[in-house]
C-alpha atoms as a PDB file:
ATOM      1  CA  MET A   1      71.741  90.427  92.755  1.00  0.00           C
ATOM      2  CA  GLU A   2      70.029  91.646  95.922  1.00  0.00           C
ATOM      3  CA  SER A   3      71.154  90.086  99.122  1.00  0.00           C
ATOM      4  CA  SER A   4      69.084  89.113 102.054  1.00  0.00           C
ATOM      5  CA  ALA A   5      68.733  90.955 105.199  1.00  0.00           C
ATOM      6  CA  GLU A   6      70.855  88.155 106.988  1.00  0.00           C
ATOM      7  CA  GLU A   7      73.762  88.377 104.760  1.00  0.00           C
ATOM      8  CA  TYR A   8      73.801  92.212 104.895  1.00  0.00           C
ATOM      9  CA  SER A   9      73.654  92.027 108.605  1.00  0.00           C
ATOM     10  CA  ALA A  10      76.678  89.455 108.650  1.00  0.00           C
ATOM     11  CA  PHE A  11      78.751  91.781 106.355  1.00  0.00           C
ATOM     12  CA  GLU A  12      78.052  94.868 108.771  1.00  0.00           C
ATOM     13  CA  GLN A  13      79.335  92.633 111.591  1.00  0.00           C
ATOM     14  CA  LYS A  14      82.266  91.670 109.568  1.00  0.00           C
ATOM     15  CA  VAL A  15      83.049  95.361 108.891  1.00  0.00           C
ATOM     16  CA  SER A  16      82.765  96.263 112.623  1.00  0.00           C
ATOM     17  CA  ARG A  17      85.497  93.575 113.291  1.00  0.00           C
ATOM     18  CA  THR A  18      87.818  94.658 110.647  1.00  0.00           C
ATOM     19  CA  VAL A  19      90.844  97.097 110.849  1.00  0.00           C
ATOM     20  CA  TYR A  20      92.190  99.082 107.950  1.00  0.00           C
ATOM     21  CA  PHE A  21      95.881  99.203 108.030  1.00  0.00           C
ATOM     22  CA  ASP A  22      98.005 101.406 105.796  1.00  0.00           C
ATOM     23  CA  ASN A  23     101.759 102.353 105.442  1.00  0.00           C
ATOM     24  CA  LEU A  24     102.720  98.739 105.591  1.00  0.00           C
ATOM     25  CA  SER A  25     106.099  97.689 104.281  1.00  0.00           C
ATOM     26  CA  PRO A  26     105.821  96.037 100.732  1.00  0.00           C
ATOM     27  CA  GLN A  27     107.548  93.077 102.181  1.00  0.00           C
ATOM     28  CA  VAL A  28     104.982  92.512 104.664  1.00  0.00           C
ATOM     29  CA  THR A  29     102.897  89.213 104.303  1.00  0.00           C
ATOM     30  CA  GLU A  30      99.923  87.699 105.953  1.00  0.00           C
ATOM     31  CA  SER A  31     101.952  85.677 108.203  1.00  0.00           C
ATOM     32  CA  VAL A  32     103.945  88.701 109.468  1.00  0.00           C
ATOM     33  CA  ILE A  33     100.496  90.509 110.276  1.00  0.00           C
ATOM     34  CA  ARG A  34      99.178  87.415 112.042  1.00  0.00           C
ATOM     35  CA  THR A  35     102.257  87.119 114.072  1.00  0.00           C
ATOM     36  CA  ALA A  36     102.240  90.868 115.033  1.00  0.00           C
ATOM     37  CA  LEU A  37      98.383  90.886 116.101  1.00  0.00           C
ATOM     38  CA  ASP A  38      98.500  87.595 117.755  1.00  0.00           C
ATOM     39  CA  GLN A  39      99.198  88.812 121.208  1.00  0.00           C
ATOM     40  CA  PHE A  40      96.233  91.157 120.956  1.00  0.00           C
ATOM     41  CA  ALA A  41      93.407  89.271 119.264  1.00  0.00           C
ATOM     42  CA  THR A  42      92.528  86.382 116.991  1.00  0.00           C
ATOM     43  CA  VAL A  43      92.979  87.161 113.152  1.00  0.00           C
ATOM     44  CA  LYS A  44      90.364  85.626 111.112  1.00  0.00           C
ATOM     45  CA  ASN A  45      91.135  86.928 107.778  1.00  0.00           C
ATOM     46  CA  VAL A  46      93.847  89.260 105.974  1.00  0.00           C
ATOM     47  CA  LYS A  47      93.087  90.909 102.782  1.00  0.00           C
ATOM     48  CA  PHE A  48      95.668  92.996 101.059  1.00  0.00           C
ATOM     49  CA  ILE A  49      94.191  96.018  98.980  1.00  0.00           C
ATOM     50  CA  PRO A  50      95.879  95.762  95.345  1.00  0.00           C
ATOM     51  CA  ASN A  51      97.739  98.949  94.058  1.00  0.00           C
ATOM     52  CA  TYR A  52      97.012  99.048  90.593  1.00  0.00           C
ATOM     53  CA  VAL A  53      98.251 102.646  90.007  1.00  0.00           C
ATOM     54  CA  GLY A  54     101.721 103.194  91.701  1.00  0.00           C
ATOM     55  CA  PRO A  55     104.860 100.958  91.625  1.00  0.00           C
ATOM     56  CA  SER A  56     105.087  97.906  93.530  1.00  0.00           C
ATOM     57  CA  ASN A  57     107.432  99.221  96.204  1.00  0.00           C
ATOM     58  CA  LEU A  58     104.939 101.620  97.683  1.00  0.00           C
ATOM     59  CA  PRO A  59     103.573 101.146 101.063  1.00  0.00           C
ATOM     60  CA  GLN A  60     100.681  98.566 100.978  1.00  0.00           C
ATOM     61  CA  CYS A  61      97.315  98.388 102.709  1.00  0.00           C
ATOM     62  CA  ALA A  62      95.284  95.674 104.353  1.00  0.00           C
ATOM     63  CA  LEU A  63      91.953  94.845 105.709  1.00  0.00           C
ATOM     64  CA  VAL A  64      92.301  92.576 108.918  1.00  0.00           C
ATOM     65  CA  GLU A  65      89.402  90.930 110.167  1.00  0.00           C
ATOM     66  CA  LEU A  66      89.525  90.168 114.060  1.00  0.00           C
ATOM     67  CA  ASP A  67      87.372  88.109 116.316  1.00  0.00           C
ATOM     68  CA  SER A  68      85.491  91.021 117.950  1.00  0.00           C
ATOM     69  CA  ALA A  69      84.748  94.727 117.351  1.00  0.00           C
ATOM     70  CA  LYS A  70      86.163  95.542 120.675  1.00  0.00           C
ATOM     71  CA  LYS A  71      89.338  94.338 119.642  1.00  0.00           C
ATOM     72  CA  VAL A  72      89.294  96.737 116.814  1.00  0.00           C
ATOM     73  CA  LYS A  73      88.968  99.742 119.076  1.00  0.00           C
ATOM     74  CA  GLU A  74      91.865  98.494 121.217  1.00  0.00           C
ATOM     75  CA  ILE A  75      94.261  97.918 118.337  1.00  0.00           C
ATOM     76  CA  VAL A  76      93.215 101.263 116.809  1.00  0.00           C
ATOM     77  CA  SER A  77      94.006 102.971 119.932  1.00  0.00           C
ATOM     78  CA  MET A  78      97.220 101.228 120.514  1.00  0.00           C
ATOM     79  CA  VAL A  79      98.727 101.829 117.041  1.00  0.00           C
ATOM     80  CA  GLY A  80      97.790 105.598 117.636  1.00  0.00           C
ATOM     81  CA  HIS A  81      99.653 105.834 120.748  1.00  0.00           C
ATOM     82  CA  TYR A  82     102.468 103.245 120.620  1.00  0.00           C
ATOM     83  CA  SER A  83     104.878 101.900 117.712  1.00  0.00           C
ATOM     84  CA  PHE A  84     103.510  99.004 116.013  1.00  0.00           C
ATOM     85  CA  MET A  85     106.068  96.190 116.229  1.00  0.00           C
ATOM     86  CA  MET A  86     106.470  93.611 113.144  1.00  0.00           C
ATOM     87  CA  SER A  87     109.008  91.132 113.204  1.00  0.00           C
ATOM     88  CA  GLY A  88     110.689  92.792 116.258  1.00  0.00           C
ATOM     89  CA  MET A  89     111.082  96.256 114.494  1.00  0.00           C
ATOM     90  CA  PRO A  90     108.731  99.443 115.138  1.00  0.00           C
ATOM     91  CA  ARG A  91     106.824 100.305 111.802  1.00  0.00           C
ATOM     92  CA  PRO A  92     105.134 103.636 111.097  1.00  0.00           C
ATOM     93  CA  VAL A  93     101.835 101.786 110.463  1.00  0.00           C
ATOM     94  CA  ARG A  94      98.463 103.599 110.570  1.00  0.00           C
ATOM     95  CA  ALA A  95      95.294 101.962 111.658  1.00  0.00           C
ATOM     96  CA  GLN A  96      91.473 102.829 111.626  1.00  0.00           C
ATOM     97  CA  PRO A  97      88.324 101.016 111.742  1.00  0.00           C
ATOM     98  CA  ALA A  98      87.186  99.851 108.238  1.00  0.00           C
ATOM     99  CA  VAL A  99      84.269 100.974 106.605  1.00  0.00           C
ATOM    100  CA  MET A 100      81.911  99.364 104.044  1.00  0.00           C
ATOM    101  CA  GLU A 101      83.378 101.389 100.788  1.00  0.00           C
ATOM    102  CA  MET A 102      86.785  99.661 101.695  1.00  0.00           C
ATOM    103  CA  PHE A 103      85.335  96.032 100.643  1.00  0.00           C
ATOM    104  CA  ASP A 104      85.117  95.354  96.784  1.00  0.00           C
ATOM    105  CA  ASP A 105      82.836  92.391  97.754  1.00  0.00           C
ATOM    106  CA  ARG A 106      80.170  94.294  99.766  1.00  0.00           C
ATOM    107  CA  PRO A 107      76.516  93.303  99.138  1.00  0.00           C
ATOM    108  CA  ALA A 108      73.891  95.530  98.069  1.00  0.00           C
ATOM    109  CA  LYS A 109      71.594  96.656 100.741  1.00  0.00           C
ATOM    110  CA  PRO A 110      68.228  94.908 100.955  1.00  0.00           C
ATOM    111  CA  ASN A 111      65.008  96.607  99.837  1.00  0.00           C
ATOM    112  CA  ARG A 112      67.212  99.527  98.416  1.00  0.00           C
ATOM    113  CA  LYS A 113      65.147 101.295  95.679  1.00  0.00           C
ATOM    114  CA  LEU A 114      66.799 103.224  92.825  1.00  0.00           C
ATOM    115  CA  LYS A 115      64.906 105.711  90.680  1.00  0.00           C
ATOM    116  CA  VAL A 116      66.446 106.891  87.419  1.00  0.00           C
ATOM    117  CA  ARG A 117      65.084 110.063  85.970  1.00  0.00           C
ATOM    118  CA  TRP A 118      66.120 113.097  83.792  1.00  0.00           C
ATOM    119  CA  LEU A 119      67.276 116.002  85.831  1.00  0.00           C
ATOM    120  CA  LYS A 120      66.626 119.660  84.816  1.00  0.00           C
ATOM    121  CA  SER A 121      69.519 122.232  85.159  1.00  0.00           C
ATOM    122  CA  THR A 122      67.482 124.084  87.542  1.00  0.00           C
ATOM    123  CA  GLU A 123      67.095 121.346  90.048  1.00  0.00           C
ATOM    124  CA  PRO A 124      69.361 121.333  93.013  1.00  0.00           C
ATOM    125  CA  ASP A 125      70.532 117.663  92.491  1.00  0.00           C
ATOM    126  CA  PHE A 126      71.722 118.687  88.866  1.00  0.00           C
ATOM    127  CA  GLU A 127      75.191 119.891  89.933  1.00  0.00           C
ATOM    128  CA  VAL A 128      75.761 116.666  92.042  1.00  0.00           C
ATOM    129  CA  ALA A 129      74.787 114.455  88.997  1.00  0.00           C
ATOM    130  CA  LYS A 130      76.910 116.626  86.779  1.00  0.00           C
ATOM    131  CA  GLU A 131      79.986 116.066  89.162  1.00  0.00           C
ATOM    132  CA  LEU A 132      79.411 112.188  89.372  1.00  0.00           C
ATOM    133  CA  LYS A 133      79.104 112.177  85.405  1.00  0.00           C
ATOM    134  CA  ASN A 134      82.753 113.982  85.247  1.00  0.00           C
ATOM    135  CA  LEU A 135      83.941 111.713  88.096  1.00  0.00           C
ATOM    136  CA  THR A 136      82.840 108.775  85.934  1.00  0.00           C
ATOM    137  CA  ARG A 137      84.664 109.838  82.875  1.00  0.00           C
ATOM    138  CA  LYS A 138      87.743 110.727  84.967  1.00  0.00           C
ATOM    139  CA  HIS A 139      87.769 107.185  86.298  1.00  0.00           C
ATOM    140  CA  ALA A 140      87.405 105.560  82.946  1.00  0.00           C
ATOM    141  CA  ALA A 141      90.323 107.811  81.572  1.00  0.00           C
ATOM    142  CA  GLU A 142      92.449 106.713  84.489  1.00  0.00           C
ATOM    143  CA  ILE A 143      91.798 102.894  83.892  1.00  0.00           C
ATOM    144  CA  GLU A 144      92.397 103.425  80.164  1.00  0.00           C
ATOM    145  CA  PHE A 145      95.665 105.202  81.071  1.00  0.00           C
ATOM    146  CA  ILE A 146      96.704 102.452  83.658  1.00  0.00           C
ATOM    147  CA  ARG A 147      95.802  99.848  80.984  1.00  0.00           C
ATOM    148  CA  LYS A 148      98.174 101.328  78.453  1.00  0.00           C
ATOM    149  CA  VAL A 149     100.878 101.939  80.906  1.00  0.00           C
ATOM    150  CA  SER A 150     100.657  98.136  82.176  1.00  0.00           C
ATOM    151  CA  SER A 151     100.781  97.060  78.332  1.00  0.00           C
ATOM    152  CA  PHE A 152     103.712  99.311  77.603  1.00  0.00           C
ATOM    153  CA  LEU A 153     105.523  98.203  80.892  1.00  0.00           C
ATOM    154  CA  LEU A 154     104.833  94.561  79.998  1.00  0.00           C
ATOM    155  CA  GLN A 155     106.292  95.211  76.473  1.00  0.00           C
ATOM    156  CA  LEU A 156     109.273  96.848  77.947  1.00  0.00           C
ATOM    157  CA  GLU A 157     109.857  94.048  80.262  1.00  0.00           C
ATOM    158  CA  GLU A 158     109.818  91.591  77.489  1.00  0.00           C
ATOM    159  CA  GLU A 159     112.266  93.592  75.354  1.00  0.00           C
ATOM    160  CA  GLU A 160     114.690  93.929  78.434  1.00  0.00           C
ATOM    161  CA  LYS A 161     114.458  89.984  79.049  1.00  0.00           C
ATOM    162  CA  LEU A 162     115.084  89.385  75.111  1.00  0.00           C
ATOM    163  CA  ALA A 163     118.000  91.901  75.214  1.00  0.00           C
ATOM    164  CA  LYS A 164     119.576  90.140  78.315  1.00  0.00           C
ATOM    165  CA  GLN A 165     119.200  86.651  76.592  1.00  0.00           C
ATOM    166  CA  GLN A 166     120.918  88.040  73.497  1.00  0.00           C
ATOM    167  CA  GLU A 167     123.552  89.516  75.612  1.00  0.00           C
ATOM    168  CA  GLU A 168     124.324  86.335  77.377  1.00  0.00           C
ATOM    169  CA  THR A 169     124.331  84.426  73.996  1.00  0.00           C
ATOM    170  CA  LEU A 170     126.877  86.998  72.574  1.00  0.00           C
ATOM    171  CA  LYS A 171     129.048  86.587  75.499  1.00  0.00           C
ATOM    172  CA  GLY A 172     128.884  82.765  75.126  1.00  0.00           C
ATOM    173  CA  HIS A 173     129.796  83.026  71.606  1.00  0.00           C
ATOM    174  CA  TYR A 174     132.611  85.339  72.273  1.00  0.00           C
ATOM    175  CA  LYS A 175     133.890  83.187  75.145  1.00  0.00           C
ATOM    176  CA  LYS A 176     134.069  80.266  72.622  1.00  0.00           C
ATOM    177  CA  PHE A 177     135.818  82.424  69.981  1.00  0.00           C
ATOM    178  CA  LYS A 178     138.417  83.318  72.479  1.00  0.00           C
ATOM    179  CA  MET A 179     138.910  79.665  73.531  1.00  0.00           C
ATOM    180  CA  ILE A 180     139.331  78.594  69.826  1.00  0.00           C
ATOM    181  CA  ASP A 181     141.741  81.549  68.987  1.00  0.00           C
ATOM    182  CA  GLY A 182     143.808  80.680  72.071  1.00  0.00           C
ATOM    183  CA  ILE A 183     144.180  76.865  71.354  1.00  0.00           C
ATOM    184  CA  MET A 184     145.129  77.926  67.692  1.00  0.00           C
ATOM    185  CA  ALA A 185     147.569  80.458  68.827  1.00  0.00           C
ATOM    186  CA  ASP A 186     149.606  78.258  71.264  1.00  0.00           C
ATOM    187  CA  LYS A 187     149.491  75.137  68.884  1.00  0.00           C
ATOM    188  CA  THR A 188     147.133  73.254  70.916  1.00  0.00           C
ATOM    189  CA  ALA A 189     144.967  72.488  68.185  1.00  0.00           C
ATOM    190  CA  HIS A 190     147.844  71.127  66.152  1.00  0.00           C
ATOM    191  CA  ARG A 191     148.839  68.791  68.803  1.00  0.00           C
ATOM    192  CA  LEU A 192     145.395  67.365  69.161  1.00  0.00           C
ATOM    193  CA  ALA A 193     145.213  67.089  65.387  1.00  0.00           C
ATOM    194  CA  ARG A 194     148.480  64.985  65.155  1.00  0.00           C
ATOM    195  CA  ILE A 195     146.919  62.758  67.915  1.00  0.00           C
ATOM    196  CA  TYR A 196     143.734  62.100  66.352  1.00  0.00           C
ATOM    197  CA  ASN A 197     145.154  62.171  62.862  1.00  0.00           C
ATOM    198  CA  LEU A 198     143.195  65.192  61.841  1.00  0.00           C
ATOM    199  CA  HIS A 199     144.050  68.047  59.160  1.00  0.00           C
ATOM    200  CA  VAL A 200     144.024  71.530  60.546  1.00  0.00           C
ATOM    201  CA  ALA A 201     144.764  74.619  58.296  1.00  0.00           C
ATOM    202  CA  ASP A 202     147.415  76.949  59.604  1.00  0.00           C
ATOM    203  CA  GLU A 203     145.035  79.839  58.866  1.00  0.00           C
END
């Protein structure tokens, strides 16, 4: 769906007010970022960029929208020259002005015309189109691989959970067996049987 000129202009202004942070600790939350930047600018929005490929303990990235584009330049300059403080501790955080391609919800440019046609191998754009085609196939293969790995990891997690439950159940049964074996060995079961007028076999 094509966006209006006003929507696209508003998005461009949003991008100009946004800082891209990377190398953030995996434990960093939105409130931590807001607290760290509160002394420099008003934070309007924080959006963490999901990591679909690497493990969850890798440094994370975030798009932080501020109240003005001027503040973006100031914070990028500050982070480049001084240690960035988060929760009272210096962090090796990097910052740069955001660009449109970093936003997964970016609108289509108004009045943009797309033309589709067959390219001949002799045309200058043929190699470019070939590279894009190969890149698309590579991305599709990576997505399929990630899907399979995610499915395998989920299955492995379920198996580990089941194994842990079985181990806990086995420990519980063994503890009960040891308790029964103990009260039989020290004749506690026989004394209780006499009190409650019950019959307990010697073996």
